[in-house]
Amino acid sequence: MRKIVLVFIAVIFTVSGFAQKSADIGIWGGSSAYLGDIKEASPVQTFNLNFGAFFRYNFNARVAMRAQFLSGNFAASGMVEDIPFDFNKNAQDISFMMEINYLKYILGERKTPFTPYILGGLGVMYFPYNLDPVRMAQINPAYPVWNTVEESVIAVTIPFGFGIKVTIGERLGVGAEFQMRKLLNDKFDNLDDPLSFETINNAGDIETIKYTDFLHNNDWPGYLGIHVTYKINLDPKACPAYDRKHW
């Protein structure tokens, strides 16, 4: 995990070296959300602290690129096939997303002091996976795993979301947003394809019948929070032509 964080920091400093007038850094704080194999679980059952930071490079007043790192807790409890089930774990998230403004917006500019926006891109999540065969046997007696599994997982994600951001000074802004992750992995809630089972096929071989795969699974972690943004690398010599081009 330390290597992932170091790569994220390296990308931030590399991109910031090219940033001029319209680059921002921000801090993010809020709670996690979960949708998955566990039924009757509220998306936000309790407050699970997540925090992080991001770097945003604005290509123009409509489009920006955001590199973001978040870390915190996820938890949920509910029912799986009428059996009580819960999980609680820490996860780290790195994402690279395009941020598209509904209105023309550059932090600190007075022409448009706020805007709704959408964002989406690609990322990875890092989290522990713990499979308990005793609990799985209660849910599905034919589950094809009989040993305890404990491992760390790095899973590809498709992050997306929406929010609103507001300028509160020449260099400061605040915002609120909701993000979700399409997780290309089914181990986030410690339930890896819980209804799968083994059977004997026509050739007499043991075959595992699975219901989820790389693209089709039920784990959708998310984030609900606020952020404070600071405008950096201001060009001391403002260029009117630059402003007209980007507005």
Protein backbone atom coordinates (compact mmCIF):
# COMPACT_ATOMS: atom_id res chain seq x y z
CA MET A 1 0.00 0.00 0.00
CA ARG A 2 2.92 2.35 0.70
CA LYS A 3 4.03 1.99 -2.93
CA ILE A 4 0.56 2.97 -4.17
CA VAL A 5 0.57 6.12 -2.02
CA LEU A 6 4.08 7.03 -3.23
CA VAL A 7 2.99 6.64 -6.86
CA PHE A 8 -0.02 8.88 -6.19
CA ILE A 9 2.19 11.57 -4.61
CA ALA A 10 4.64 11.35 -7.52
CA VAL A 11 1.83 11.89 -10.02
CA ILE A 12 0.57 14.89 -8.06
CA PHE A 13 3.96 16.61 -8.07
CA THR A 14 4.59 15.75 -11.72
CA VAL A 15 1.28 17.24 -12.86
CA SER A 16 1.58 20.24 -10.55
CA GLY A 17 4.93 21.05 -12.15
CA PHE A 18 3.07 21.83 -15.37
CA ALA A 19 0.16 23.61 -13.72
CA GLN A 20 0.01 27.35 -14.16
CA LYS A 21 -3.01 29.54 -13.57
CA SER A 22 -5.81 27.04 -13.05
CA ALA A 23 -4.66 24.32 -10.66
CA ASP A 24 -6.21 23.49 -7.29
CA ILE A 25 -5.45 21.26 -4.32
CA GLY A 26 -8.10 20.11 -1.88
CA ILE A 27 -8.80 18.15 1.26
CA TRP A 28 -11.80 15.82 1.47
CA GLY A 29 -13.77 14.46 4.41
CA GLY A 30 -16.98 12.49 4.85
CA SER A 31 -18.54 9.06 5.26
CA SER A 32 -18.64 5.86 3.22
CA ALA A 33 -21.57 4.13 1.55
CA TYR A 34 -22.14 0.54 0.47
CA LEU A 35 -24.40 -1.42 -1.90
CA GLY A 36 -23.75 -5.12 -2.42
CA ASP A 37 -24.62 -8.72 -1.64
CA ILE A 38 -25.83 -7.82 1.86
CA LYS A 39 -29.54 -7.05 1.67
CA GLU A 40 -31.58 -4.87 4.03
CA ALA A 41 -28.46 -2.81 4.64
CA SER A 42 -28.90 0.94 4.51
CA PRO A 43 -26.41 2.54 2.06
CA VAL A 44 -25.18 4.77 4.91
CA GLN A 45 -25.91 2.90 8.17
CA THR A 46 -23.51 4.77 10.44
CA PHE A 47 -20.91 7.47 10.04
CA ASN A 48 -17.69 5.84 8.80
CA LEU A 49 -14.94 8.45 8.61
CA ASN A 50 -13.10 8.75 5.31
CA PHE A 51 -10.64 11.48 4.47
CA GLY A 52 -8.14 12.33 1.77
CA ALA A 53 -6.80 14.87 -0.68
CA PHE A 54 -6.88 15.64 -4.37
CA PHE A 55 -5.14 17.65 -7.07
CA ARG A 56 -7.20 19.23 -9.84
CA TYR A 57 -5.84 20.65 -13.08
CA ASN A 58 -8.33 22.77 -14.99
CA PHE A 59 -7.92 22.50 -18.75
CA ASN A 60 -10.51 25.26 -19.12
CA ALA A 61 -13.59 26.57 -17.33
CA ARG A 62 -15.58 23.43 -18.20
CA VAL A 63 -13.20 20.48 -17.97
CA ALA A 64 -10.66 19.43 -15.32
CA MET A 65 -8.65 16.36 -14.39
CA ARG A 66 -8.66 15.23 -10.75
CA ALA A 67 -6.20 12.86 -9.05
CA GLN A 68 -7.56 11.79 -5.67
CA PHE A 69 -6.61 9.64 -2.69
CA LEU A 70 -9.14 8.60 0.00
CA SER A 71 -8.76 6.36 3.04
CA GLY A 72 -11.19 5.26 5.73
CA ASN A 73 -13.65 2.73 7.05
CA PHE A 74 -16.51 0.78 5.45
CA ALA A 75 -19.09 -1.23 7.38
CA ALA A 76 -22.52 -2.77 6.80
CA SER A 77 -24.85 -5.31 8.39
CA GLY A 78 -27.92 -7.01 7.00
CA MET A 79 -29.06 -10.31 5.53
CA VAL A 80 -27.65 -12.70 2.93
CA GLU A 81 -30.10 -15.46 1.96
CA ASP A 82 -31.97 -14.79 5.25
CA ILE A 83 -28.74 -15.23 7.26
CA PRO A 84 -27.38 -12.24 9.27
CA PHE A 85 -24.09 -11.01 7.87
CA ASP A 86 -21.84 -8.00 8.43
CA PHE A 87 -18.39 -6.68 7.63
CA ASN A 88 -16.13 -3.88 8.82
CA LYS A 89 -12.85 -2.95 7.14
CA ASN A 90 -10.51 -0.15 6.13
CA ALA A 91 -9.97 0.67 2.46
CA GLN A 92 -7.81 3.01 0.41
CA ASP A 93 -8.89 4.47 -2.90
CA ILE A 94 -6.90 6.12 -5.70
CA SER A 95 -8.78 7.54 -8.66
CA PHE A 96 -8.16 9.67 -11.73
CA MET A 97 -11.32 11.38 -12.93
CA MET A 98 -12.45 13.94 -15.47
CA GLU A 99 -14.50 16.66 -13.81
CA ILE A 100 -17.02 18.42 -16.04
CA ASN A 101 -18.71 21.63 -14.90
CA TYR A 102 -22.30 22.45 -15.79
CA LEU A 103 -21.44 26.16 -15.71
CA LYS A 104 -18.17 27.82 -16.66
CA TYR A 105 -16.17 27.84 -13.45
CA ILE A 106 -12.62 28.64 -12.35
CA LEU A 107 -11.96 28.89 -8.62
CA GLY A 108 -11.71 32.53 -7.57
CA GLU A 109 -13.37 33.96 -10.69
CA ARG A 110 -16.40 36.16 -10.01
CA LYS A 111 -18.20 35.50 -13.30
CA THR A 112 -19.54 32.18 -12.01
CA PRO A 113 -19.22 31.74 -8.22
CA PHE A 114 -20.64 28.19 -8.21
CA THR A 115 -21.45 25.25 -10.45
CA PRO A 116 -22.85 21.72 -10.31
CA TYR A 117 -20.52 19.12 -11.85
CA ILE A 118 -20.17 15.46 -12.73
CA LEU A 119 -17.04 13.32 -12.64
CA GLY A 120 -15.88 9.90 -13.77
CA GLY A 121 -12.78 7.93 -14.64
CA LEU A 122 -10.68 4.96 -13.51
CA GLY A 123 -9.07 3.94 -10.23
CA VAL A 124 -8.04 1.21 -7.82
CA MET A 125 -9.05 0.22 -4.29
CA TYR A 126 -6.91 -1.59 -1.73
CA PHE A 127 -8.62 -3.55 1.07
CA PRO A 128 -8.37 -6.77 3.12
CA TYR A 129 -10.46 -9.81 2.23
CA ASN A 130 -11.45 -12.35 4.90
CA LEU A 131 -13.57 -15.36 3.94
CA ASP A 132 -14.94 -17.41 6.83
CA PRO A 133 -16.02 -20.89 5.60
CA VAL A 134 -18.28 -21.39 8.64
CA ARG A 135 -20.29 -18.27 7.83
CA MET A 136 -20.35 -19.17 4.13
CA ALA A 137 -21.67 -22.67 4.91
CA GLN A 138 -24.62 -21.08 6.73
CA ILE A 139 -25.43 -19.01 3.64
CA ASN A 140 -24.66 -21.66 1.04
CA PRO A 141 -23.79 -25.23 2.19
CA ALA A 142 -22.48 -26.01 -1.31
CA TYR A 143 -20.03 -23.09 -1.38
CA PRO A 144 -16.78 -24.40 -2.98
CA VAL A 145 -14.34 -23.05 -0.36
CA TRP A 146 -13.63 -24.90 2.89
CA ASN A 147 -10.58 -23.07 4.22
CA THR A 148 -10.28 -19.62 5.76
CA VAL A 149 -9.00 -17.09 3.23
CA GLU A 150 -7.16 -13.93 4.31
CA GLU A 151 -5.56 -11.71 1.70
CA SER A 152 -5.07 -8.14 0.54
CA VAL A 153 -6.85 -7.11 -2.64
CA ILE A 154 -6.06 -4.42 -5.20
CA ALA A 155 -9.17 -4.05 -7.36
CA VAL A 156 -9.83 -1.93 -10.44
CA THR A 157 -12.70 0.54 -10.08
CA ILE A 158 -14.80 2.78 -12.29
CA PRO A 159 -15.43 5.90 -10.17
CA PHE A 160 -18.22 8.36 -10.95
CA GLY A 161 -20.28 10.96 -9.13
CA PHE A 162 -21.72 14.44 -8.96
CA GLY A 163 -21.53 17.49 -6.73
CA ILE A 164 -21.57 21.25 -6.39
CA LYS A 165 -18.66 23.62 -5.71
CA VAL A 166 -18.68 27.25 -4.57
CA THR A 167 -16.04 29.97 -4.51
CA ILE A 168 -15.70 31.67 -1.10
CA GLY A 169 -12.62 33.79 -1.79
CA GLU A 170 -9.93 34.56 -4.34
CA ARG A 171 -8.22 31.25 -3.65
CA LEU A 172 -10.67 29.24 -1.53
CA GLY A 173 -13.64 27.12 -2.47
CA VAL A 174 -15.89 24.53 -0.85
CA GLY A 175 -18.04 21.77 -2.24
CA ALA A 176 -20.20 18.75 -1.49
CA GLU A 177 -20.30 15.59 -3.57
CA PHE A 178 -21.37 11.97 -3.79
CA GLN A 179 -19.15 9.39 -5.47
CA MET A 180 -19.68 5.71 -6.26
CA ARG A 181 -17.34 2.97 -7.42
CA LYS A 182 -18.15 0.18 -9.85
CA LEU A 183 -15.80 -2.37 -8.30
CA LEU A 184 -14.47 -4.98 -10.75
CA ASN A 185 -14.16 -7.51 -7.94
CA ASP A 186 -16.67 -9.25 -5.63
CA LYS A 187 -14.60 -9.49 -2.45
CA PHE A 188 -15.23 -6.09 -0.89
CA ASP A 189 -17.91 -7.30 1.56
CA ASN A 190 -16.11 -10.61 2.28
CA LEU A 191 -18.64 -12.36 0.05
CA ASP A 192 -17.05 -13.63 -3.16
CA ASP A 193 -19.93 -14.88 -5.32
CA PRO A 194 -21.81 -16.30 -2.28
CA LEU A 195 -24.28 -18.40 -4.30
CA SER A 196 -21.67 -20.28 -6.35
CA PHE A 197 -21.47 -24.07 -6.02
CA GLU A 198 -19.72 -27.13 -7.46
CA THR A 199 -21.40 -29.75 -9.61
CA ILE A 200 -20.49 -32.71 -11.81
CA ASN A 201 -20.75 -31.91 -15.52
CA ASN A 202 -21.57 -34.30 -18.35
CA ALA A 203 -17.90 -35.25 -18.71
CA GLY A 204 -17.74 -36.32 -15.10
CA ASP A 205 -15.53 -33.43 -14.04
CA ILE A 206 -16.13 -31.07 -11.12
CA GLU A 207 -17.38 -27.71 -12.40
CA THR A 208 -17.88 -24.53 -10.37
CA ILE A 209 -21.05 -22.64 -11.22
CA LYS A 210 -20.47 -18.93 -10.67
CA TYR A 211 -22.91 -16.00 -10.75
CA THR A 212 -20.44 -13.11 -10.79
CA ASP A 213 -17.31 -12.32 -12.80
CA PHE A 214 -14.92 -9.46 -13.50
CA LEU A 215 -17.64 -7.20 -14.92
CA HIS A 216 -20.78 -8.57 -13.26
CA ASN A 217 -20.71 -8.37 -9.47
CA ASN A 218 -22.65 -6.71 -6.69
CA ASP A 219 -20.11 -4.55 -4.83
CA TRP A 220 -20.59 -0.77 -5.10
CA PRO A 221 -18.69 1.23 -2.42
CA GLY A 222 -19.24 4.98 -2.32
CA TYR A 223 -18.42 8.25 -0.57
CA LEU A 224 -20.51 11.19 0.63
CA GLY A 225 -18.60 14.23 1.82
CA ILE A 226 -17.38 17.80 1.54
CA HIS A 227 -14.13 19.31 0.33
CA VAL A 228 -12.17 22.52 0.79
CA THR A 229 -10.11 23.64 -2.21
CA TYR A 230 -7.19 26.05 -2.50
CA LYS A 231 -6.06 27.65 -5.76
CA ILE A 232 -2.33 27.22 -6.41
CA ASN A 233 0.33 28.20 -8.94
CA LEU A 234 -1.29 31.48 -9.87
CA ASP A 235 0.33 33.16 -12.84
CA PRO A 236 1.56 36.54 -11.48
CA LYS A 237 1.23 38.03 -14.95
CA ALA A 238 -2.37 37.54 -15.90
CA CYS A 239 -2.93 37.22 -19.61
CA PRO A 240 -6.21 38.65 -20.96
CA ALA A 241 -5.93 36.45 -24.04
CA TYR A 242 -5.64 33.39 -21.78
CA ASP A 243 -8.75 34.43 -19.85
CA ARG A 244 -10.76 34.98 -23.02
CA LYS A 245 -9.64 31.64 -24.42
CA HIS A 246 -10.66 29.73 -21.30
CA TRP A 247 -13.96 31.53 -20.85
